[in-house]
Amino acid sequence: MSSRHMNRPAASVACSSKRPAALVVCSSSRRRRKIADAAAAAAAATRDSSSWASLHEDLVSLIGWRVLAGDLRDYIRFRAVCPHWRSSTTCPRGRGIVDPRFHPRRWMLFPEGHGLYPGHGKLGGYVHFFNLSTGAFVRVRLPFFRDHCVLDSVDGILLLQRDQDTAIRLLHPFTGDIAEFPPLETLLPHVDPWLRGNKWNYLRSICAACISVGADGVVKVMMSLPGNRNFIFATSGDQQWRISSWRCGPSCVPLPFQGKFYMLHHPEDNSEPEVFQVDPPPPPPQQEDMNLGTPSLPPAKFIAKCPASTEICPPLYDLVECNSEILVMTLRASVTPGIAFPSPSTIISHIFTCCFREYWNKGQIIFHGNWKQWRVKRKWRHGG
């Protein structure tokens, strides 16, 4: 050994030899503390989760219904918290249409713009839905649009037409549930002669539609078509659409609300408009009452009269839905604010397009110079 190493102070050697051991001890101590902290956090999480999981199933079910009253997607997330919560609440799949509580009321199929209609190849089978209350978006894969086109949306339920046979189908976009209805072609004998040249444009241009579910779980659909003052209706499983035996006023545009139609009637003497309600068709007759015949649509019934106006130029009236209520809105001719739509389009123009089905279902935006006719499968979708 060299003299340089032999003359090294003993204290220096001892210090250098002990430092690695101290570092090892400190490192081991920190690891033990981290493990202990992680175990304590896991134990606390287990205690918290077990306390939530130990809630009585009736209480979990009650909370679930409260969550569902707000939004269906929140309810789905609620059920995904733990197996106990999932088993204690009702699964929406299989009940998405027959149970109105599961209807996605505030969700609307979002028009993509640029002609990207549902089923367009560039979308890869996906479509977007937009929540009108929260502003949330969700992306859903729906393969039905390969051979279906959407004609309307009722409480978030999509009203589809199958291309090959014009059959009408209701689709719940989040559960995949389907209800089958008769083909539109069964209405051809009822088309007025002066509309025969453009019959499909008449049948596929739906003014309004509403969905109701009877106590027996039978789903019913009522629709109003342009150029016809009768209503058409059918129940799930029917073979053909039926026509109401009575006609509404020439200027009545029905408002769908909670499975019923509401409309304004303007008397011929120019008195105050009246509000009428159209109920869904009654259940089919039982076997012992078959002599009563096929159920018909009940006549519209009077429920309210608009207040009298003392103005020289009486206002125009209309019905609107606001916060789960029906309001009578007055429109005065002297106040006609315009709506400007900047280019490129904003979220407002996309939402406003949802009110115009002839643009909405083709992935186009209103007032942006779009072509509002189908560019594909025109044989099956013309007029829709």
Protein backbone atom coordinates (compact mmCIF):
# COMPACT_ATOMS: atom_id res chain seq x y z
CA MET A 1 0.00 0.00 0.00
CA SER A 2 1.36 3.42 -0.91
CA SER A 3 2.40 5.90 1.70
CA ARG A 4 -0.27 8.30 0.45
CA HIS A 5 -2.99 5.89 1.55
CA MET A 6 -1.18 4.88 4.72
CA ASN A 7 -0.98 8.46 5.99
CA ARG A 8 -4.75 9.11 5.50
CA PRO A 9 -6.47 10.18 8.80
CA ALA A 10 -8.47 7.47 10.53
CA ALA A 11 -11.44 9.77 11.14
CA SER A 12 -11.70 10.47 7.44
CA VAL A 13 -11.75 6.79 6.62
CA ALA A 14 -14.43 6.09 9.22
CA CYS A 15 -16.61 8.90 7.97
CA SER A 16 -16.48 7.74 4.38
CA SER A 17 -17.24 4.18 5.34
CA LYS A 18 -20.30 5.07 7.45
CA ARG A 19 -22.05 7.47 5.00
CA PRO A 20 -23.43 4.83 2.60
CA ALA A 21 -24.94 2.91 5.53
CA ALA A 22 -26.70 6.04 6.77
CA LEU A 23 -28.06 6.71 3.33
CA VAL A 24 -29.36 3.14 3.10
CA VAL A 25 -31.03 3.47 6.50
CA CYS A 26 -32.71 6.77 5.54
CA SER A 27 -33.87 5.38 2.21
CA SER A 28 -35.34 2.30 3.85
CA SER A 29 -37.11 4.43 6.41
CA ARG A 30 -38.70 6.60 3.76
CA ARG A 31 -39.88 3.54 1.84
CA ARG A 32 -41.45 2.10 4.99
CA ARG A 33 -43.23 5.39 5.68
CA LYS A 34 -44.55 5.53 2.09
CA ILE A 35 -45.80 1.96 2.34
CA ALA A 36 -47.45 2.72 5.66
CA ASP A 37 -49.08 5.87 4.29
CA ALA A 38 -50.35 4.01 1.23
CA ALA A 39 -51.75 1.24 3.41
CA ALA A 40 -53.49 3.79 5.64
CA ALA A 41 -54.98 5.56 2.61
CA ALA A 42 -56.15 2.25 1.17
CA ALA A 43 -57.71 1.30 4.47
CA ALA A 44 -59.49 4.67 4.70
CA ALA A 45 -60.72 4.31 1.13
CA THR A 46 -61.93 0.81 1.92
CA ARG A 47 -63.77 2.08 5.01
CA ASP A 48 -65.36 4.92 2.98
CA SER A 49 -66.34 2.68 0.08
CA SER A 50 -67.65 0.00 2.40
CA SER A 51 -69.78 2.58 4.22
CA TRP A 52 -71.27 3.76 0.94
CA ALA A 53 -71.66 0.21 -0.28
CA SER A 54 -73.47 -0.69 2.93
CA LEU A 55 -76.35 1.70 2.21
CA HIS A 56 -79.70 -0.05 2.23
CA GLU A 57 -80.81 -1.00 -1.26
CA ASP A 58 -84.10 0.92 -0.88
CA LEU A 59 -82.17 4.09 -0.09
CA VAL A 60 -79.83 3.53 -3.04
CA SER A 61 -82.83 3.02 -5.31
CA LEU A 62 -84.47 6.23 -4.06
CA ILE A 63 -81.28 8.23 -4.62
CA GLY A 64 -81.00 6.69 -8.09
CA TRP A 65 -84.46 7.88 -9.08
CA ARG A 66 -83.59 11.38 -7.87
CA VAL A 67 -80.45 11.32 -10.01
CA LEU A 68 -82.42 10.05 -12.99
CA ALA A 69 -84.83 12.99 -12.67
CA GLY A 70 -81.87 15.21 -13.53
CA ASP A 71 -80.25 13.35 -16.40
CA LEU A 72 -80.06 9.79 -17.72
CA ARG A 73 -76.28 9.90 -18.23
CA ASP A 74 -75.78 10.85 -14.57
CA TYR A 75 -77.94 7.88 -13.61
CA ILE A 76 -75.78 5.56 -15.70
CA ARG A 77 -72.66 6.88 -13.94
CA PHE A 78 -74.39 6.47 -10.57
CA ARG A 79 -75.02 2.79 -11.25
CA ALA A 80 -71.37 2.30 -12.21
CA VAL A 81 -70.05 3.31 -8.74
CA CYS A 82 -70.09 -0.22 -7.29
CA PRO A 83 -71.82 -3.58 -7.79
CA HIS A 84 -74.18 -2.93 -4.84
CA TRP A 85 -75.46 0.32 -6.33
CA ARG A 86 -75.83 -1.34 -9.70
CA SER A 87 -77.87 -4.23 -8.32
CA SER A 88 -80.03 -1.90 -6.22
CA THR A 89 -81.15 0.27 -9.15
CA THR A 90 -83.19 -0.46 -12.27
CA CYS A 91 -81.22 -1.11 -15.43
CA PRO A 92 -82.35 1.21 -18.26
CA ARG A 93 -81.43 -1.28 -20.98
CA GLY A 94 -84.59 -2.95 -22.22
CA ARG A 95 -86.71 -0.20 -20.66
CA GLY A 96 -85.33 2.80 -22.52
CA ILE A 97 -88.50 3.33 -24.57
CA VAL A 98 -91.29 1.60 -22.63
CA ASP A 99 -90.44 3.50 -19.43
CA PRO A 100 -90.65 7.29 -20.02
CA ARG A 101 -88.43 7.92 -17.00
CA PHE A 102 -85.49 6.72 -19.10
CA HIS A 103 -86.17 8.97 -22.08
CA PRO A 104 -83.12 11.24 -22.70
CA ARG A 105 -85.29 14.36 -22.89
CA ARG A 106 -82.65 17.08 -22.97
CA TRP A 107 -80.34 15.30 -25.43
CA MET A 108 -80.46 16.29 -29.09
CA LEU A 109 -78.73 14.75 -32.10
CA PHE A 110 -76.11 17.35 -32.96
CA PRO A 111 -75.87 18.48 -36.63
CA GLU A 112 -72.23 18.21 -37.64
CA GLY A 113 -72.39 20.67 -40.55
CA HIS A 114 -70.62 20.36 -43.92
CA GLY A 115 -73.19 17.77 -45.01
CA LEU A 116 -71.90 15.14 -42.56
CA TYR A 117 -75.26 13.44 -42.05
CA PRO A 118 -75.60 10.54 -39.55
CA GLY A 119 -74.12 7.53 -41.30
CA HIS A 120 -71.67 9.53 -43.43
CA GLY A 121 -68.48 7.59 -44.08
CA LYS A 122 -66.25 10.26 -42.56
CA LEU A 123 -67.99 9.87 -39.18
CA GLY A 124 -67.05 6.22 -38.84
CA GLY A 125 -70.48 5.22 -37.54
CA TYR A 126 -70.39 7.79 -34.70
CA VAL A 127 -72.72 10.70 -34.00
CA HIS A 128 -72.67 13.42 -31.35
CA PHE A 129 -75.44 14.29 -28.91
CA PHE A 130 -75.71 17.63 -27.15
CA ASN A 131 -77.40 18.30 -23.81
CA LEU A 132 -79.52 21.44 -24.09
CA SER A 133 -79.43 21.99 -20.30
CA THR A 134 -75.79 21.35 -19.40
CA GLY A 135 -74.00 21.89 -22.71
CA ALA A 136 -72.35 18.47 -22.42
CA PHE A 137 -71.42 16.44 -25.50
CA VAL A 138 -71.33 12.67 -25.85
CA ARG A 139 -70.12 10.60 -28.80
CA VAL A 140 -72.12 7.46 -29.55
CA ARG A 141 -71.62 4.72 -32.10
CA LEU A 142 -74.91 3.97 -33.91
CA PRO A 143 -74.63 1.56 -36.84
CA PHE A 144 -78.34 1.92 -37.69
CA PHE A 145 -77.70 4.89 -39.98
CA ARG A 146 -76.21 2.63 -42.64
CA ASP A 147 -79.75 1.90 -43.86
CA HIS A 148 -81.89 4.32 -41.81
CA CYS A 149 -82.48 8.06 -41.86
CA VAL A 150 -83.72 10.09 -38.91
CA LEU A 151 -86.97 12.01 -39.41
CA ASP A 152 -87.51 13.47 -35.95
CA SER A 153 -86.43 13.41 -32.30
CA VAL A 154 -89.05 13.12 -29.56
CA ASP A 155 -87.85 13.47 -25.95
CA GLY A 156 -84.42 12.39 -27.16
CA ILE A 157 -85.82 9.24 -28.80
CA LEU A 158 -84.92 9.10 -32.50
CA LEU A 159 -87.71 8.46 -34.99
CA LEU A 160 -86.10 6.57 -37.87
CA GLN A 161 -87.24 5.35 -41.27
CA ARG A 162 -85.74 2.15 -42.64
CA ASP A 163 -84.71 2.72 -46.23
CA GLN A 164 -85.93 -0.43 -47.98
CA ASP A 165 -89.49 -0.71 -46.65
CA THR A 166 -90.17 2.76 -45.08
CA ALA A 167 -90.82 1.11 -41.70
CA ILE A 168 -90.79 3.54 -38.77
CA ARG A 169 -88.64 2.62 -35.77
CA LEU A 170 -88.00 4.35 -32.46
CA LEU A 171 -84.41 4.16 -31.24
CA HIS A 172 -83.05 5.03 -27.81
CA PRO A 173 -79.54 6.31 -28.59
CA PHE A 174 -77.99 5.38 -25.23
CA THR A 175 -79.56 1.97 -24.52
CA GLY A 176 -80.07 0.70 -28.08
CA ASP A 177 -83.73 -0.18 -27.41
CA ILE A 178 -86.00 -0.24 -30.47
CA ALA A 179 -89.78 -0.10 -30.96
CA GLU A 180 -91.25 -1.17 -34.30
CA PHE A 181 -94.02 0.71 -36.14
CA PRO A 182 -95.77 0.32 -39.50
CA PRO A 183 -94.23 1.45 -42.81
CA LEU A 184 -95.05 4.92 -44.07
CA GLU A 185 -96.19 3.39 -47.35
CA THR A 186 -99.38 2.20 -45.61
CA LEU A 187 -100.44 5.87 -45.64
CA LEU A 188 -100.27 6.22 -49.44
CA PRO A 189 -104.03 5.60 -49.93
CA HIS A 190 -104.72 8.55 -47.59
CA VAL A 191 -102.60 11.10 -49.42
CA ASP A 192 -104.75 13.84 -50.95
CA PRO A 193 -104.89 13.64 -54.76
CA TRP A 194 -103.30 17.05 -55.20
CA LEU A 195 -100.26 15.81 -53.27
CA ARG A 196 -99.78 12.55 -55.16
CA GLY A 197 -97.07 14.02 -57.37
CA ASN A 198 -94.92 14.69 -54.34
CA LYS A 199 -96.26 12.01 -52.03
CA TRP A 200 -93.02 11.08 -50.30
CA ASN A 201 -92.14 14.66 -49.57
CA TYR A 202 -95.51 14.87 -47.82
CA LEU A 203 -95.14 11.61 -45.86
CA ARG A 204 -91.55 12.13 -44.68
CA SER A 205 -91.90 15.81 -43.75
CA ILE A 206 -93.15 15.42 -40.21
CA CYS A 207 -94.51 18.60 -38.61
CA ALA A 208 -94.67 17.17 -35.10
CA ALA A 209 -94.59 13.80 -33.34
CA CYS A 210 -95.17 12.63 -29.79
CA ILE A 211 -94.62 9.37 -27.92
CA SER A 212 -96.68 7.95 -25.06
CA VAL A 213 -96.61 4.66 -23.18
CA GLY A 214 -99.71 3.00 -21.76
CA ALA A 215 -100.00 1.22 -18.44
CA ASP A 216 -99.71 -2.04 -20.39
CA GLY A 217 -96.31 -1.01 -21.78
CA VAL A 218 -97.63 -0.44 -25.32
CA VAL A 219 -95.84 2.43 -27.05
CA LYS A 220 -97.99 4.86 -29.08
CA VAL A 221 -96.93 7.43 -31.65
CA MET A 222 -98.96 10.34 -33.00
CA MET A 223 -97.76 12.45 -35.92
CA SER A 224 -98.87 15.54 -37.79
CA LEU A 225 -98.02 15.75 -41.48
CA PRO A 226 -98.01 18.83 -43.72
CA GLY A 227 -100.98 19.38 -46.01
CA ASN A 228 -103.28 17.20 -43.90
CA ARG A 229 -105.47 18.36 -41.02
CA ASN A 230 -105.87 14.80 -39.71
CA PHE A 231 -103.50 13.18 -37.25
CA ILE A 232 -101.96 9.78 -37.91
CA PHE A 233 -101.29 7.32 -35.10
CA ALA A 234 -100.23 3.75 -34.41
CA THR A 235 -99.13 1.51 -31.56
CA SER A 236 -96.05 -0.70 -31.48
CA GLY A 237 -96.70 -3.88 -33.39
CA ASP A 238 -99.46 -2.44 -35.59
CA GLN A 239 -99.43 -3.34 -39.27
CA GLN A 240 -100.56 0.02 -40.60
CA TRP A 241 -100.99 3.65 -39.59
CA ARG A 242 -104.47 4.96 -38.82
CA ILE A 243 -106.05 8.34 -39.49
CA SER A 244 -108.07 10.41 -37.04
CA SER A 245 -111.75 10.68 -37.91
CA TRP A 246 -111.76 14.42 -37.16
CA ARG A 247 -109.71 17.33 -38.50
CA CYS A 248 -108.05 20.23 -36.74
CA GLY A 249 -108.20 23.88 -37.79
CA PRO A 250 -106.34 25.06 -40.89
CA SER A 251 -103.79 27.10 -38.95
CA CYS A 252 -103.21 24.71 -36.04
CA VAL A 253 -99.61 23.64 -35.53
CA PRO A 254 -99.49 21.10 -32.69
CA LEU A 255 -96.93 21.27 -29.91
CA PRO A 256 -95.87 17.83 -28.56
CA PHE A 257 -95.62 17.71 -24.78
CA GLN A 258 -95.52 14.69 -22.44
CA GLY A 259 -97.10 12.32 -24.95
CA LYS A 260 -99.91 14.67 -26.00
CA PHE A 261 -100.50 17.36 -28.60
CA TYR A 262 -101.46 20.92 -27.69
CA MET A 263 -102.63 23.41 -30.30
CA LEU A 264 -104.15 26.84 -30.71
CA HIS A 265 -107.50 27.23 -32.43
CA HIS A 266 -108.43 30.60 -33.91
CA PRO A 267 -112.24 30.99 -33.98
CA GLU A 268 -113.83 32.27 -37.17
CA ASP A 269 -115.28 35.30 -35.34
CA ASN A 270 -111.71 36.49 -34.58
CA SER A 271 -112.25 36.11 -30.84
CA GLU A 272 -109.48 35.04 -28.51
CA PRO A 273 -107.63 31.86 -29.49
CA GLU A 274 -108.42 28.66 -27.64
CA VAL A 275 -106.04 25.96 -26.46
CA PHE A 276 -106.95 22.34 -27.21
CA GLN A 277 -105.40 19.09 -26.04
CA VAL A 278 -105.18 15.85 -28.05
CA ASP A 279 -104.78 12.69 -25.98
CA PRO A 280 -103.15 9.50 -27.30
CA PRO A 281 -105.38 6.67 -28.51
CA PRO A 282 -106.94 4.45 -25.83
CA PRO A 283 -105.78 0.86 -25.28
CA PRO A 284 -107.04 -1.71 -27.80
CA PRO A 285 -110.29 -3.48 -26.83
CA GLN A 286 -110.09 -6.67 -24.84
CA GLN A 287 -111.07 -9.98 -26.39
CA GLU A 288 -114.60 -9.77 -24.94
CA ASP A 289 -115.02 -6.24 -26.33
CA MET A 290 -113.85 -6.86 -29.88
CA ASN A 291 -117.24 -5.72 -31.19
CA LEU A 292 -116.25 -2.18 -30.20
CA GLY A 293 -113.87 -2.05 -33.17
CA THR A 294 -110.43 -0.52 -33.53
CA PRO A 295 -109.74 2.31 -31.07
CA SER A 296 -109.79 5.77 -32.63
CA LEU A 297 -108.10 8.99 -31.67
CA PRO A 298 -110.17 10.94 -29.11
CA PRO A 299 -111.37 14.36 -30.36
CA ALA A 300 -109.41 17.40 -29.25
CA LYS A 301 -110.74 18.85 -26.00
CA PHE A 302 -110.85 22.49 -24.95
CA ILE A 303 -108.65 23.32 -21.93
CA ALA A 304 -108.07 27.10 -21.93
CA LYS A 305 -108.82 30.40 -23.63
CA CYS A 306 -106.26 33.12 -24.24
CA PRO A 307 -106.92 36.41 -22.43
CA ALA A 308 -108.69 39.15 -24.34
CA SER A 309 -106.57 41.86 -25.92
CA THR A 310 -107.49 45.57 -25.81
CA GLU A 311 -104.89 46.58 -28.39
CA ILE A 312 -105.88 47.99 -31.76
CA CYS A 313 -103.67 45.43 -33.47
CA PRO A 314 -104.16 42.20 -31.51
CA PRO A 315 -101.02 40.14 -31.02
CA LEU A 316 -100.26 36.80 -32.57
CA TYR A 317 -100.26 33.82 -30.27
CA ASP A 318 -98.13 30.70 -30.14
CA LEU A 319 -97.44 27.81 -27.78
CA VAL A 320 -93.95 27.10 -26.46
CA GLU A 321 -92.46 24.70 -23.93
CA CYS A 322 -90.38 26.23 -21.17
CA ASN A 323 -89.05 24.49 -18.06
CA SER A 324 -91.45 21.56 -18.38
CA GLU A 325 -94.47 23.85 -18.79
CA ILE A 326 -96.51 25.10 -21.75
CA LEU A 327 -96.62 28.85 -22.15
CA VAL A 328 -98.79 30.99 -24.42
CA MET A 329 -96.48 33.46 -26.12
CA THR A 330 -97.69 36.68 -27.73
CA LEU A 331 -95.98 38.08 -30.80
CA ARG A 332 -96.48 41.66 -31.88
CA ALA A 333 -95.94 42.68 -35.46
CA SER A 334 -94.07 45.88 -34.49
CA VAL A 335 -91.35 43.89 -32.72
CA THR A 336 -89.62 41.49 -35.09
CA PRO A 337 -85.99 41.07 -34.01
CA GLY A 338 -83.77 39.32 -36.49
CA ILE A 339 -81.32 36.56 -35.74
CA ALA A 340 -77.85 36.91 -37.21
CA PHE A 341 -75.74 33.87 -37.93
CA PRO A 342 -72.06 34.65 -38.36
CA SER A 343 -69.84 32.55 -40.57
CA PRO A 344 -68.23 30.21 -39.74
CA SER A 345 -71.12 28.81 -37.73
CA THR A 346 -71.24 29.00 -33.94
CA ILE A 347 -72.80 26.62 -31.43
CA ILE A 348 -75.96 28.76 -31.52
CA SER A 349 -76.48 28.14 -35.23
CA HIS A 350 -76.03 24.39 -34.68
CA ILE A 351 -78.66 24.39 -31.92
CA PHE A 352 -81.04 26.56 -33.95
CA THR A 353 -80.72 24.10 -36.84
CA CYS A 354 -82.28 21.41 -34.64
CA CYS A 355 -85.61 23.22 -35.12
CA PHE A 356 -85.47 22.62 -38.89
CA ARG A 357 -85.59 18.90 -39.59
CA GLU A 358 -84.88 19.25 -43.32
CA TYR A 359 -81.40 20.58 -42.47
CA TRP A 360 -80.82 18.91 -39.11
CA ASN A 361 -81.07 15.28 -40.28
CA LYS A 362 -78.69 15.90 -43.21
CA GLY A 363 -75.82 17.28 -41.15
CA GLN A 364 -76.27 20.78 -42.54
CA ILE A 365 -76.51 24.18 -40.88
CA ILE A 366 -79.42 26.48 -41.69
CA PHE A 367 -78.75 29.84 -43.37
CA HIS A 368 -75.33 28.75 -44.57
CA GLY A 369 -76.25 28.06 -48.18
CA ASN A 370 -76.66 24.32 -47.74
CA TRP A 371 -78.49 21.98 -50.04
CA LYS A 372 -81.43 20.61 -48.04
CA GLN A 373 -82.11 17.57 -50.20
CA TRP A 374 -80.62 14.13 -49.70
CA ARG A 375 -77.59 13.56 -51.91
CA VAL A 376 -77.52 9.82 -51.18
CA LYS A 377 -80.24 7.16 -51.31
CA ARG A 378 -82.74 9.62 -52.74
CA LYS A 379 -85.02 6.78 -53.78
CA TRP A 380 -85.62 5.95 -50.10
CA ARG A 381 -85.15 9.33 -48.42
CA HIS A 382 -86.60 11.90 -50.81
CA GLY A 383 -88.63 14.45 -48.88
CA GLY A 384 -87.27 13.42 -45.49
